[in-house]
């Protein structure tokens, strides 16, 4: 019995992807996240929820 890989080869153009900057990404069709949506969000790490009291957010300059 031969073992055949079930995973497909990626068709992503990784070289082009690596060269992209944030400005190259079209966000025009993605709606803004509201404060209500963020308040209901659950941060998960490896599938396990992290308590909001343990999250620290640092502002970027």
Protein backbone atom coordinates (compact mmCIF):
# COMPACT_ATOMS: atom_id res chain seq x y z
CA UNK A 1 0.00 0.00 0.00
CA UNK A 2 1.52 3.33 -0.99
CA UNK A 3 1.10 6.43 1.11
CA UNK A 4 -0.01 9.38 -0.91
CA UNK A 5 0.20 12.87 0.54
CA UNK A 6 -3.22 14.43 0.93
CA UNK A 7 -1.88 17.97 1.34
CA UNK A 8 -1.82 20.06 -1.81
CA UNK A 9 1.09 22.17 -2.91
CA UNK A 10 0.54 25.83 -2.11
CA UNK A 11 -0.27 28.00 -5.10
CA UNK A 12 0.57 31.17 -3.20
CA UNK A 13 3.12 33.46 -4.80
CA UNK A 14 5.24 33.71 -1.64
CA UNK A 15 7.91 35.93 -3.23
CA UNK A 16 5.25 38.51 -4.15
CA UNK A 17 3.66 38.17 -0.72
CA UNK A 18 6.98 38.83 1.05
CA UNK A 19 7.51 42.03 -0.97
CA UNK A 20 4.07 43.46 -0.10
CA UNK A 21 3.75 46.39 2.27
CA UNK A 22 0.71 47.33 4.35
CA UNK A 23 -0.14 49.95 1.75
CA UNK A 24 -0.46 47.26 -0.94
CA UNK A 25 -3.36 45.56 0.86
CA UNK A 26 -6.86 46.62 -0.27
CA UNK A 27 -9.01 47.05 2.84
CA UNK A 28 -11.85 48.87 1.11
CA UNK A 29 -14.30 45.95 1.38
CA UNK A 30 -13.52 45.08 5.00
CA UNK A 31 -15.82 46.79 7.53
CA UNK A 32 -14.42 48.56 10.59
CA UNK A 33 -14.55 46.63 13.86
CA UNK A 34 -16.89 48.32 16.33
CA UNK A 35 -16.26 48.82 20.06
CA UNK A 36 -19.15 46.42 20.74
CA UNK A 37 -17.54 43.69 18.64
CA UNK A 38 -14.23 44.15 20.44
CA UNK A 39 -15.94 43.98 23.84
CA UNK A 40 -17.42 40.58 22.91
CA UNK A 41 -14.17 39.20 21.44
CA UNK A 42 -12.27 36.33 23.05
CA UNK A 43 -8.51 36.14 22.67
CA UNK A 44 -7.36 32.54 22.37
CA UNK A 45 -3.88 31.07 22.51
CA UNK A 46 -3.61 27.49 21.24
CA UNK A 47 -7.39 27.27 21.38
CA UNK A 48 -7.63 28.21 25.06
CA UNK A 49 -9.25 31.51 26.04
CA UNK A 50 -7.06 34.03 27.85
CA UNK A 51 -8.61 36.03 30.68
CA UNK A 52 -9.04 39.71 29.87
CA UNK A 53 -7.41 40.59 33.19
CA UNK A 54 -4.14 39.05 31.94
CA UNK A 55 -3.98 41.03 28.68
CA UNK A 56 -1.81 44.12 28.44
CA UNK A 57 -2.05 46.35 25.41
CA UNK A 58 0.72 48.77 24.53
CA UNK A 59 0.10 51.68 22.21
CA UNK A 60 2.36 51.95 19.20
CA UNK A 61 3.93 55.25 18.24
